[in-house]
Amino acid sequence: MIRKLDHTGNQVTAYPGRVLRRNEHAIVLRTGWDRAPLDVGYVVLEPGDRWTEHFYADRWYNIFEIRAGDGRLKGWYCNVTRPAHITANEVTAEDLALDLWVAPDGEMLVLDEDEFVALPLLPPERDTARNALIELQAMVTRRAKPFDSIRDTE
């Protein structure tokens, strides 16, 4: 079970996922979009979309690769979060509102900065969250492939 929490630890949503890979610091799960189509402005989420979700216990973000039912890459949605809590049966992540959308061509769109600024975070945590966004942007700029697989899993 995957549980998305808000910055106070309250559950926002929960949904099932199938484990693809894991190691002591990370897990990759397969999920899918099973709701009505949703146009969020930069992508349309549709029934049958396949999501590959990467959660890290030692990083302040998670990365969701989104593909259409036919396998076409739609892009990556990256959430700035506190490090995930990964157990044998559950993954939880506390969302810090700040997000990054990465289109297949590498174009980036920072999302929800106003929501992030409004969160009552202490300066060290706010700085760590901003650094996570900078790290994600740098990975895209240098065309790193953190979206394809977890390093050192096998």
C-alpha atoms as a PDB file:
ATOM      1  CA  MET A   1       0.000   0.000   0.000  1.00  0.00           C
ATOM      2  CA  ILE A   2       1.210   3.485  -0.881  1.00  0.00           C
ATOM      3  CA  ARG A   3       0.112   6.298   1.397  1.00  0.00           C
ATOM      4  CA  LYS A   4       0.532   9.948   0.504  1.00  0.00           C
ATOM      5  CA  LEU A   5       0.535  12.144   3.598  1.00  0.00           C
ATOM      6  CA  ASP A   6       0.455  15.896   3.918  1.00  0.00           C
ATOM      7  CA  HIS A   7       3.238  17.810   5.693  1.00  0.00           C
ATOM      8  CA  THR A   8       1.574  17.169   9.085  1.00  0.00           C
ATOM      9  CA  GLY A   9       1.436  13.402   8.568  1.00  0.00           C
ATOM     10  CA  ASN A  10      -2.289  13.195   7.783  1.00  0.00           C
ATOM     11  CA  GLN A  11      -3.270  10.801   5.013  1.00  0.00           C
ATOM     12  CA  VAL A  12      -4.348  12.437   1.745  1.00  0.00           C
ATOM     13  CA  THR A  13      -4.739   9.267  -0.351  1.00  0.00           C
ATOM     14  CA  ALA A  14      -3.831   5.582  -0.360  1.00  0.00           C
ATOM     15  CA  TYR A  15      -3.656   3.117  -3.227  1.00  0.00           C
ATOM     16  CA  PRO A  16      -2.137  -0.281  -4.037  1.00  0.00           C
ATOM     17  CA  GLY A  17       1.074  -0.863  -5.934  1.00  0.00           C
ATOM     18  CA  ARG A  18       3.071  -3.856  -7.132  1.00  0.00           C
ATOM     19  CA  VAL A  19       6.739  -4.037  -6.136  1.00  0.00           C
ATOM     20  CA  LEU A  20       9.072  -4.136  -9.141  1.00  0.00           C
ATOM     21  CA  ARG A  21      12.403  -3.652  -7.353  1.00  0.00           C
ATOM     22  CA  ARG A  22      13.679  -2.676  -3.950  1.00  0.00           C
ATOM     23  CA  ASN A  23      16.843  -2.306  -1.920  1.00  0.00           C
ATOM     24  CA  GLU A  24      17.564  -1.094   1.588  1.00  0.00           C
ATOM     25  CA  HIS A  25      17.048   2.593   0.630  1.00  0.00           C
ATOM     26  CA  ALA A  26      14.511   2.557  -2.184  1.00  0.00           C
ATOM     27  CA  ILE A  27      11.560   0.845  -3.798  1.00  0.00           C
ATOM     28  CA  VAL A  28      10.028   0.943  -7.278  1.00  0.00           C
ATOM     29  CA  LEU A  29       6.324   0.170  -7.621  1.00  0.00           C
ATOM     30  CA  ARG A  30       3.914  -0.197 -10.532  1.00  0.00           C
ATOM     31  CA  THR A  31       0.595   1.567 -10.200  1.00  0.00           C
ATOM     32  CA  GLY A  32      -1.935   2.929 -12.637  1.00  0.00           C
ATOM     33  CA  TRP A  33      -4.485   5.648 -13.156  1.00  0.00           C
ATOM     34  CA  ASP A  34      -7.955   4.164 -12.663  1.00  0.00           C
ATOM     35  CA  ARG A  35     -10.005   7.355 -12.347  1.00  0.00           C
ATOM     36  CA  ALA A  36     -11.776   9.485 -14.938  1.00  0.00           C
ATOM     37  CA  PRO A  37      -9.506  11.461 -17.297  1.00  0.00           C
ATOM     38  CA  LEU A  38      -7.951  14.469 -15.592  1.00  0.00           C
ATOM     39  CA  ASP A  39      -6.416  17.347 -17.550  1.00  0.00           C
ATOM     40  CA  VAL A  40      -3.962  19.104 -15.213  1.00  0.00           C
ATOM     41  CA  GLY A  41      -2.791  21.549 -17.870  1.00  0.00           C
ATOM     42  CA  TYR A  42       0.568  20.017 -18.754  1.00  0.00           C
ATOM     43  CA  VAL A  43      -0.606  16.384 -19.117  1.00  0.00           C
ATOM     44  CA  VAL A  44      -3.861  14.450 -19.291  1.00  0.00           C
ATOM     45  CA  LEU A  45      -4.047  11.516 -16.887  1.00  0.00           C
ATOM     46  CA  GLU A  46      -6.203   8.755 -18.328  1.00  0.00           C
ATOM     47  CA  PRO A  47      -7.515   5.332 -17.346  1.00  0.00           C
ATOM     48  CA  GLY A  48      -4.941   2.757 -18.377  1.00  0.00           C
ATOM     49  CA  ASP A  49      -1.934   5.031 -17.768  1.00  0.00           C
ATOM     50  CA  ARG A  50       0.927   3.081 -16.182  1.00  0.00           C
ATOM     51  CA  TRP A  51       2.932   4.696 -13.401  1.00  0.00           C
ATOM     52  CA  THR A  52       6.335   3.535 -12.208  1.00  0.00           C
ATOM     53  CA  GLU A  53       6.827   5.111  -8.792  1.00  0.00           C
ATOM     54  CA  HIS A  54      10.290   5.491  -7.243  1.00  0.00           C
ATOM     55  CA  PHE A  55      10.447   6.150  -3.484  1.00  0.00           C
ATOM     56  CA  TYR A  56      13.646   6.762  -1.533  1.00  0.00           C
ATOM     57  CA  ALA A  57      14.297   6.458   2.203  1.00  0.00           C
ATOM     58  CA  ASP A  58      17.396   8.648   1.905  1.00  0.00           C
ATOM     59  CA  ARG A  59      16.242  11.380  -0.518  1.00  0.00           C
ATOM     60  CA  TRP A  60      13.781  14.256  -0.180  1.00  0.00           C
ATOM     61  CA  TYR A  61      11.765  13.422  -3.287  1.00  0.00           C
ATOM     62  CA  ASN A  62       9.989  10.679  -5.192  1.00  0.00           C
ATOM     63  CA  ILE A  63       9.712  10.276  -8.960  1.00  0.00           C
ATOM     64  CA  PHE A  64       6.726   8.958 -10.894  1.00  0.00           C
ATOM     65  CA  GLU A  65       7.230   7.954 -14.517  1.00  0.00           C
ATOM     66  CA  ILE A  66       3.911   8.187 -16.349  1.00  0.00           C
ATOM     67  CA  ARG A  67       3.226   6.242 -19.535  1.00  0.00           C
ATOM     68  CA  ALA A  68       0.079   5.927 -21.607  1.00  0.00           C
ATOM     69  CA  GLY A  69      -1.551   2.521 -21.908  1.00  0.00           C
ATOM     70  CA  ASP A  70       0.230   2.068 -25.255  1.00  0.00           C
ATOM     71  CA  GLY A  71       3.632   2.644 -23.602  1.00  0.00           C
ATOM     72  CA  ARG A  72       4.166   6.225 -24.838  1.00  0.00           C
ATOM     73  CA  LEU A  73       6.059   8.311 -22.272  1.00  0.00           C
ATOM     74  CA  LYS A  74       3.969  11.215 -20.976  1.00  0.00           C
ATOM     75  CA  GLY A  75       6.582  12.513 -18.527  1.00  0.00           C
ATOM     76  CA  TRP A  76       7.782  12.419 -14.939  1.00  0.00           C
ATOM     77  CA  TYR A  77       6.077  13.903 -11.907  1.00  0.00           C
ATOM     78  CA  CYS A  78       8.476  14.558  -9.044  1.00  0.00           C
ATOM     79  CA  ASN A  79       7.238  15.287  -5.525  1.00  0.00           C
ATOM     80  CA  VAL A  80       9.441  17.024  -2.989  1.00  0.00           C
ATOM     81  CA  THR A  81       8.786  15.050   0.190  1.00  0.00           C
ATOM     82  CA  ARG A  82      10.393  14.059   3.420  1.00  0.00           C
ATOM     83  CA  PRO A  83      12.281  10.764   2.945  1.00  0.00           C
ATOM     84  CA  ALA A  84       9.856   7.876   2.454  1.00  0.00           C
ATOM     85  CA  HIS A  85       9.160   5.302   5.140  1.00  0.00           C
ATOM     86  CA  ILE A  86       9.418   1.907   3.455  1.00  0.00           C
ATOM     87  CA  THR A  87       8.295  -1.259   5.215  1.00  0.00           C
ATOM     88  CA  ALA A  88       7.532  -4.762   3.972  1.00  0.00           C
ATOM     89  CA  ASN A  89       3.899  -3.858   3.214  1.00  0.00           C
ATOM     90  CA  GLU A  90       3.713  -0.081   2.979  1.00  0.00           C
ATOM     91  CA  VAL A  91       5.330   3.059   1.629  1.00  0.00           C
ATOM     92  CA  THR A  92       4.468   6.429   3.143  1.00  0.00           C
ATOM     93  CA  ALA A  93       5.685   9.825   1.998  1.00  0.00           C
ATOM     94  CA  GLU A  94       4.965  13.228   3.544  1.00  0.00           C
ATOM     95  CA  ASP A  95       4.389  15.652   0.678  1.00  0.00           C
ATOM     96  CA  LEU A  96       5.855  19.148   0.999  1.00  0.00           C
ATOM     97  CA  ALA A  97       3.721  20.620  -1.822  1.00  0.00           C
ATOM     98  CA  LEU A  98       6.653  21.552  -4.089  1.00  0.00           C
ATOM     99  CA  ASP A  99       6.639  19.538  -7.329  1.00  0.00           C
ATOM    100  CA  LEU A 100       8.482  19.281 -10.623  1.00  0.00           C
ATOM    101  CA  TRP A 101       6.946  18.136 -13.915  1.00  0.00           C
ATOM    102  CA  VAL A 102       9.419  16.931 -16.544  1.00  0.00           C
ATOM    103  CA  ALA A 103       8.106  16.515 -20.085  1.00  0.00           C
ATOM    104  CA  PRO A 104       9.576  13.798 -22.336  1.00  0.00           C
ATOM    105  CA  ASP A 105      11.704  16.445 -24.096  1.00  0.00           C
ATOM    106  CA  GLY A 106      13.223  17.534 -20.758  1.00  0.00           C
ATOM    107  CA  GLU A 107      11.221  20.741 -20.380  1.00  0.00           C
ATOM    108  CA  MET A 108      10.662  21.389 -16.665  1.00  0.00           C
ATOM    109  CA  LEU A 109       7.791  23.055 -14.861  1.00  0.00           C
ATOM    110  CA  VAL A 110       8.002  23.839 -11.125  1.00  0.00           C
ATOM    111  CA  LEU A 111       4.587  23.455  -9.508  1.00  0.00           C
ATOM    112  CA  ASP A 112       2.900  24.623  -6.308  1.00  0.00           C
ATOM    113  CA  GLU A 113       5.602  26.996  -5.107  1.00  0.00           C
ATOM    114  CA  ASP A 114       2.953  29.163  -3.447  1.00  0.00           C
ATOM    115  CA  GLU A 115       1.654  26.186  -1.451  1.00  0.00           C
ATOM    116  CA  PHE A 116       5.207  25.312  -0.407  1.00  0.00           C
ATOM    117  CA  VAL A 117       5.931  28.860   0.761  1.00  0.00           C
ATOM    118  CA  ALA A 118       2.751  28.785   2.881  1.00  0.00           C
ATOM    119  CA  LEU A 119       3.802  25.621   4.764  1.00  0.00           C
ATOM    120  CA  PRO A 120       4.969  26.228   8.354  1.00  0.00           C
ATOM    121  CA  LEU A 121       8.382  24.598   7.916  1.00  0.00           C
ATOM    122  CA  LEU A 122      11.498  25.418   9.896  1.00  0.00           C
ATOM    123  CA  PRO A 123      14.280  27.033   7.837  1.00  0.00           C
ATOM    124  CA  PRO A 124      16.552  23.936   7.778  1.00  0.00           C
ATOM    125  CA  GLU A 125      13.728  21.734   6.456  1.00  0.00           C
ATOM    126  CA  ARG A 126      12.655  24.379   3.929  1.00  0.00           C
ATOM    127  CA  ASP A 127      16.267  24.619   2.692  1.00  0.00           C
ATOM    128  CA  THR A 128      16.550  20.831   2.404  1.00  0.00           C
ATOM    129  CA  ALA A 129      13.316  20.700   0.397  1.00  0.00           C
ATOM    130  CA  ARG A 130      14.508  23.455  -1.963  1.00  0.00           C
ATOM    131  CA  ASN A 131      17.825  21.614  -2.383  1.00  0.00           C
ATOM    132  CA  ALA A 132      15.870  18.480  -3.350  1.00  0.00           C
ATOM    133  CA  LEU A 133      14.176  20.459  -6.126  1.00  0.00           C
ATOM    134  CA  ILE A 134      17.564  21.787  -7.275  1.00  0.00           C
ATOM    135  CA  GLU A 135      18.934  18.213  -7.290  1.00  0.00           C
ATOM    136  CA  LEU A 136      16.022  17.012  -9.435  1.00  0.00           C
ATOM    137  CA  GLN A 137      16.479  19.895 -11.872  1.00  0.00           C
ATOM    138  CA  ALA A 138      20.216  19.184 -12.103  1.00  0.00           C
ATOM    139  CA  MET A 139      19.544  15.499 -12.889  1.00  0.00           C
ATOM    140  CA  VAL A 140      17.285  16.533 -15.754  1.00  0.00           C
ATOM    141  CA  THR A 141      19.749  19.153 -17.036  1.00  0.00           C
ATOM    142  CA  ARG A 142      22.630  16.686 -17.155  1.00  0.00           C
ATOM    143  CA  ARG A 143      20.275  14.049 -18.568  1.00  0.00           C
ATOM    144  CA  ALA A 144      20.896  11.639 -15.712  1.00  0.00           C
ATOM    145  CA  LYS A 145      18.601   8.648 -15.702  1.00  0.00           C
ATOM    146  CA  PRO A 146      17.223   8.448 -12.156  1.00  0.00           C
ATOM    147  CA  PHE A 147      13.819   7.875 -13.694  1.00  0.00           C
ATOM    148  CA  ASP A 148      14.711   4.530 -15.271  1.00  0.00           C
ATOM    149  CA  SER A 149      15.867   2.443 -12.324  1.00  0.00           C
ATOM    150  CA  ILE A 150      17.184   2.418  -8.792  1.00  0.00           C
ATOM    151  CA  ARG A 151      20.942   2.273  -8.653  1.00  0.00           C
ATOM    152  CA  ASP A 152      22.531  -0.729  -6.951  1.00  0.00           C
ATOM    153  CA  THR A 153      19.282  -2.702  -6.750  1.00  0.00           C
ATOM    154  CA  GLU A 154      20.467  -5.977  -8.205  1.00  0.00           C
END
